[in-house]
C-alpha atoms as a PDB file:
ATOM      1  CA  MET A   1     140.664  68.351  29.279  1.00  0.00           C
ATOM      2  CA  THR A   2     142.241  70.625  31.844  1.00  0.00           C
ATOM      3  CA  ASN A   3     144.520  69.643  34.732  1.00  0.00           C
ATOM      4  CA  ILE A   4     142.826  71.901  37.235  1.00  0.00           C
ATOM      5  CA  PRO A   5     141.767  70.055  40.377  1.00  0.00           C
ATOM      6  CA  ASP A   6     138.161  70.535  41.658  1.00  0.00           C
ATOM      7  CA  LYS A   7     139.420  71.214  45.113  1.00  0.00           C
ATOM      8  CA  ILE A   8     142.823  72.729  46.103  1.00  0.00           C
ATOM      9  CA  ILE A   9     144.113  71.623  49.433  1.00  0.00           C
ATOM     10  CA  THR A  10     146.783  73.897  50.956  1.00  0.00           C
ATOM     11  CA  GLY A  11     147.426  71.976  54.133  1.00  0.00           C
ATOM     12  CA  THR A  12     146.564  74.952  56.348  1.00  0.00           C
ATOM     13  CA  ASP A  13     143.017  73.986  57.268  1.00  0.00           C
ATOM     14  CA  ASN A  14     142.914  72.168  60.597  1.00  0.00           C
ATOM     15  CA  GLY A  15     139.114  72.159  60.793  1.00  0.00           C
ATOM     16  CA  GLU A  16     139.095  74.936  63.425  1.00  0.00           C
ATOM     17  CA  LEU A  17     137.501  78.359  62.863  1.00  0.00           C
ATOM     18  CA  ASN A  18     139.882  81.353  62.990  1.00  0.00           C
ATOM     19  CA  ASN A  19     138.886  84.272  65.355  1.00  0.00           C
ATOM     20  CA  LEU A  20     137.049  86.184  62.748  1.00  0.00           C
ATOM     21  CA  GLU A  21     134.955  83.138  61.727  1.00  0.00           C
ATOM     22  CA  LYS A  22     134.216  82.491  65.359  1.00  0.00           C
ATOM     23  CA  GLN A  23     133.146  86.091  65.905  1.00  0.00           C
ATOM     24  CA  GLU A  24     130.879  85.871  62.819  1.00  0.00           C
ATOM     25  CA  LEU A  25     129.309  82.617  64.013  1.00  0.00           C
ATOM     26  CA  GLU A  26     128.686  84.096  67.490  1.00  0.00           C
ATOM     27  CA  VAL A  27     127.102  87.172  66.112  1.00  0.00           C
ATOM     28  CA  ASN A  28     124.806  85.117  63.792  1.00  0.00           C
ATOM     29  CA  ILE A  29     123.782  82.760  66.485  1.00  0.00           C
ATOM     30  CA  THR A  30     123.122  85.574  68.973  1.00  0.00           C
ATOM     31  CA  SER A  31     121.146  87.483  66.351  1.00  0.00           C
ATOM     32  CA  SER A  32     118.891  84.495  65.819  1.00  0.00           C
ATOM     33  CA  ILE A  33     118.385  83.853  69.483  1.00  0.00           C
ATOM     34  CA  MET A  34     117.640  87.443  70.141  1.00  0.00           C
ATOM     35  CA  THR A  35     115.111  87.500  67.288  1.00  0.00           C
ATOM     36  CA  PHE A  36     113.554  84.297  68.633  1.00  0.00           C
ATOM     37  CA  MET A  37     113.293  85.801  72.114  1.00  0.00           C
ATOM     38  CA  SER A  38     111.862  89.145  70.845  1.00  0.00           C
ATOM     39  CA  TYR A  39     109.046  87.227  69.041  1.00  0.00           C
ATOM     40  CA  SER A  40     108.431  85.229  72.334  1.00  0.00           C
ATOM     41  CA  ILE A  41     108.442  88.294  74.513  1.00  0.00           C
ATOM     42  CA  LYS A  42     105.975  90.024  72.124  1.00  0.00           C
ATOM     43  CA  SER A  43     103.625  87.010  72.181  1.00  0.00           C
ATOM     44  CA  SER A  44     103.795  86.800  75.980  1.00  0.00           C
ATOM     45  CA  SER A  45     103.086  90.512  76.199  1.00  0.00           C
ATOM     46  CA  ILE A  46      99.933  90.205  74.056  1.00  0.00           C
ATOM     47  CA  PHE A  47      98.814  87.238  76.115  1.00  0.00           C
ATOM     48  CA  VAL A  48      99.333  89.073  79.363  1.00  0.00           C
ATOM     49  CA  GLU A  49      97.568  92.287  78.022  1.00  0.00           C
ATOM     50  CA  HIS A  50      94.593  90.208  76.737  1.00  0.00           C
ATOM     51  CA  SER A  51      94.396  88.401  80.144  1.00  0.00           C
ATOM     52  CA  GLU A  52      94.081  91.853  81.800  1.00  0.00           C
ATOM     53  CA  ARG A  53      97.260  91.363  83.734  1.00  0.00           C
ATOM     54  CA  THR A  54     100.186  93.566  84.160  1.00  0.00           C
ATOM     55  CA  ILE A  55     103.127  91.221  84.895  1.00  0.00           C
ATOM     56  CA  ILE A  56     104.653  88.779  82.361  1.00  0.00           C
ATOM     57  CA  THR A  57     105.391  85.605  84.310  1.00  0.00           C
ATOM     58  CA  THR A  58     108.016  82.937  83.674  1.00  0.00           C
ATOM     59  CA  ASP A  59     105.209  80.594  82.539  1.00  0.00           C
ATOM     60  CA  ASP A  60     104.020  83.251  80.002  1.00  0.00           C
ATOM     61  CA  ILE A  61     107.533  83.388  78.567  1.00  0.00           C
ATOM     62  CA  LYS A  62     107.891  79.654  78.660  1.00  0.00           C
ATOM     63  CA  ARG A  63     104.571  79.134  76.735  1.00  0.00           C
ATOM     64  CA  ALA A  64     105.547  81.885  74.190  1.00  0.00           C
ATOM     65  CA  MET A  65     108.970  80.134  73.553  1.00  0.00           C
ATOM     66  CA  MET A  66     107.078  76.842  73.098  1.00  0.00           C
ATOM     67  CA  VAL A  67     104.756  78.454  70.516  1.00  0.00           C
ATOM     68  CA  GLU A  68     107.780  80.176  68.828  1.00  0.00           C
ATOM     69  CA  ILE A  69     109.420  76.815  68.132  1.00  0.00           C
ATOM     70  CA  PHE A  70     106.688  76.173  65.770  1.00  0.00           C
ATOM     71  CA  LEU A  71     106.318  79.553  64.211  1.00  0.00           C
ATOM     72  CA  TYR A  72     109.878  80.865  64.029  1.00  0.00           C
ATOM     73  CA  PHE A  73     110.950  79.805  60.600  1.00  0.00           C
ATOM     74  CA  GLU A  74     107.552  80.707  59.150  1.00  0.00           C
ATOM     75  CA  ARG A  75     107.791  84.404  60.074  1.00  0.00           C
ATOM     76  CA  SER A  76     107.675  86.687  56.969  1.00  0.00           C
ATOM     77  CA  ASP A  77     109.924  89.273  58.452  1.00  0.00           C
ATOM     78  CA  LEU A  78     112.522  86.812  59.976  1.00  0.00           C
ATOM     79  CA  GLU A  79     115.449  87.736  57.878  1.00  0.00           C
ATOM     80  CA  MET A  80     114.844  91.504  58.378  1.00  0.00           C
ATOM     81  CA  ARG A  81     114.630  91.092  62.170  1.00  0.00           C
ATOM     82  CA  ILE A  82     117.662  88.891  62.487  1.00  0.00           C
ATOM     83  CA  GLY A  83     119.450  91.664  60.414  1.00  0.00           C
ATOM     84  CA  GLU A  84     118.255  94.285  62.849  1.00  0.00           C
ATOM     85  CA  TRP A  85     119.593  92.408  65.865  1.00  0.00           C
ATOM     86  CA  ARG A  86     122.788  91.691  63.955  1.00  0.00           C
ATOM     87  CA  ASN A  87     123.305  95.509  63.580  1.00  0.00           C
ATOM     88  CA  ILE A  88     122.530  96.102  67.174  1.00  0.00           C
ATOM     89  CA  ILE A  89     125.008  93.493  68.336  1.00  0.00           C
ATOM     90  CA  LEU A  90     127.682  94.679  65.995  1.00  0.00           C
ATOM     91  CA  ASN A  91     127.235  98.303  67.254  1.00  0.00           C
ATOM     92  CA  GLU A  92     127.337  97.045  70.857  1.00  0.00           C
ATOM     93  CA  MET A  93     130.541  95.196  70.154  1.00  0.00           C
ATOM     94  CA  LYS A  94     132.062  98.467  68.792  1.00  0.00           C
ATOM     95  CA  ASN A  95     130.942 100.551  71.746  1.00  0.00           C
ATOM     96  CA  ASP A  96     131.207  97.840  74.391  1.00  0.00           C
ATOM     97  CA  THR A  97     129.577  99.979  77.148  1.00  0.00           C
ATOM     98  CA  SER A  98     127.279  97.431  78.843  1.00  0.00           C
ATOM     99  CA  ASP A  99     127.779  96.679  82.516  1.00  0.00           C
ATOM    100  CA  ILE A 100     126.382  93.295  83.137  1.00  0.00           C
ATOM    101  CA  GLU A 101     126.760  93.245  86.999  1.00  0.00           C
ATOM    102  CA  ASP A 102     124.573  96.252  87.490  1.00  0.00           C
ATOM    103  CA  GLU A 103     121.833  94.790  85.346  1.00  0.00           C
ATOM    104  CA  GLU A 104     122.006  91.494  87.428  1.00  0.00           C
ATOM    105  CA  ASP A 105     121.606  93.336  90.679  1.00  0.00           C
ATOM    106  CA  ASP A 106     118.536  95.332  89.308  1.00  0.00           C
ATOM    107  CA  LEU A 107     116.944  92.054  88.127  1.00  0.00           C
ATOM    108  CA  GLU A 108     117.250  90.481  91.617  1.00  0.00           C
ATOM    109  CA  ASP A 109     115.580  93.451  93.313  1.00  0.00           C
ATOM    110  CA  GLU A 110     112.729  93.480  90.715  1.00  0.00           C
ATOM    111  CA  GLN A 111     112.138  89.694  91.114  1.00  0.00           C
ATOM    112  CA  GLU A 112     111.250  89.975  94.851  1.00  0.00           C
ATOM    113  CA  SER A 113     108.661  92.713  94.212  1.00  0.00           C
ATOM    114  CA  THR A 114     107.052  90.996  91.321  1.00  0.00           C
ATOM    115  CA  ASP A 115     106.607  87.543  92.932  1.00  0.00           C
ATOM    116  CA  LYS A 116     103.674  88.898  95.077  1.00  0.00           C
ATOM    117  CA  LEU A 117     102.050  90.568  92.043  1.00  0.00           C
ATOM    118  CA  GLU A 118     102.275  87.415  89.815  1.00  0.00           C
ATOM    119  CA  ASN A 119     100.411  85.309  92.476  1.00  0.00           C
ATOM    120  CA  GLU A 120      97.653  87.895  92.668  1.00  0.00           C
ATOM    121  CA  GLU A 121      97.260  88.274  88.909  1.00  0.00           C
ATOM    122  CA  LYS A 122      97.042  84.410  88.478  1.00  0.00           C
ATOM    123  CA  LYS A 123      93.866  84.479  90.417  1.00  0.00           C
ATOM    124  CA  ASN A 124      92.216  87.224  88.284  1.00  0.00           C
ATOM    125  CA  LYS A 125      93.348  85.762  84.827  1.00  0.00           C
ATOM    126  CA  LYS A 126      90.823  86.187  81.952  1.00  0.00           C
ATOM    127  CA  ILE A 127      90.732  83.977  78.748  1.00  0.00           C
ATOM    128  CA  CYS A 128      90.847  85.496  75.323  1.00  0.00           C
ATOM    129  CA  SER A 129      90.318  83.538  72.062  1.00  0.00           C
ATOM    130  CA  CYS A 130      92.387  85.554  69.584  1.00  0.00           C
ATOM    131  CA  GLU A 131      95.062  83.629  67.693  1.00  0.00           C
ATOM    132  CA  VAL A 132      97.908  84.486  69.974  1.00  0.00           C
ATOM    133  CA  CYS A 133      95.968  83.641  73.124  1.00  0.00           C
ATOM    134  CA  ASP A 134      94.618  80.455  71.649  1.00  0.00           C
ATOM    135  CA  LEU A 135      98.064  79.251  70.714  1.00  0.00           C
ATOM    136  CA  MET A 136      99.450  80.309  74.173  1.00  0.00           C
ATOM    137  CA  ASN A 137      96.493  78.505  75.987  1.00  0.00           C
ATOM    138  CA  THR A 138      96.823  75.186  74.043  1.00  0.00           C
ATOM    139  CA  ILE A 139     100.645  74.938  73.476  1.00  0.00           C
ATOM    140  CA  LYS A 140     101.329  72.734  76.594  1.00  0.00           C
ATOM    141  CA  ASP A 141      99.198  69.901  75.034  1.00  0.00           C
ATOM    142  CA  LYS A 142     100.994  70.169  71.731  1.00  0.00           C
ATOM    143  CA  TRP A 143     104.408  70.420  73.527  1.00  0.00           C
ATOM    144  CA  LYS A 144     103.875  67.099  75.309  1.00  0.00           C
ATOM    145  CA  TYR A 145     104.084  65.346  71.883  1.00  0.00           C
ATOM    146  CA  TYR A 146     106.805  67.401  70.381  1.00  0.00           C
ATOM    147  CA  ASN A 147     109.991  65.329  69.823  1.00  0.00           C
ATOM    148  CA  PRO A 148     112.557  67.234  67.757  1.00  0.00           C
ATOM    149  CA  THR A 149     114.902  65.300  65.517  1.00  0.00           C
ATOM    150  CA  ASP A 150     117.414  68.018  64.843  1.00  0.00           C
ATOM    151  CA  GLU A 151     120.123  69.009  67.385  1.00  0.00           C
ATOM    152  CA  MET A 152     118.947  72.645  67.569  1.00  0.00           C
ATOM    153  CA  GLY A 153     115.398  71.568  68.306  1.00  0.00           C
ATOM    154  CA  LYS A 154     116.531  69.220  71.062  1.00  0.00           C
ATOM    155  CA  ILE A 155     118.625  71.936  72.735  1.00  0.00           C
ATOM    156  CA  PHE A 156     115.832  74.307  72.706  1.00  0.00           C
ATOM    157  CA  LYS A 157     113.249  71.743  74.043  1.00  0.00           C
ATOM    158  CA  ASN A 158     115.641  70.697  76.785  1.00  0.00           C
ATOM    159  CA  HIS A 159     116.223  74.330  77.976  1.00  0.00           C
ATOM    160  CA  ILE A 160     112.489  75.282  77.700  1.00  0.00           C
ATOM    161  CA  ASP A 161     111.543  72.164  79.674  1.00  0.00           C
ATOM    162  CA  LYS A 162     113.876  73.104  82.480  1.00  0.00           C
ATOM    163  CA  MET A 163     112.411  76.643  82.851  1.00  0.00           C
ATOM    164  CA  GLU A 164     110.532  77.030  86.175  1.00  0.00           C
END
């Protein structure tokens, strides 16, 4: 029998993350969210293309995010895609060349010009029956009955429900 304890307590752990741990956690969460959104944008893009439209609407993205909630952890390339986003984020952190204010101004200008096109395209929408479009067209019925039990699921559902 040895007198080596199972757990050694040094008294320095106060339960808070140090800066390196916080940065690592932030990179991991951001990578996961960016991966989730890239899948959602791809699905909404397919849906719009198959509907013979040219503008991705907020509703298209919202539907795609709803669909992604159910597909995300089943994706065969999930780990690889998260790793790709992780590398992009780490490279951006090293370079730190982004200018967020200019990007926000550009988005506001684009929004005004696309609102009119969105309304026109909604009138001319076609229906496709491929797997992606079928999921996108039926997701709102499934979403009504979706009640997540985990905190992350609750957060996502809350934010998706608030999208307009």
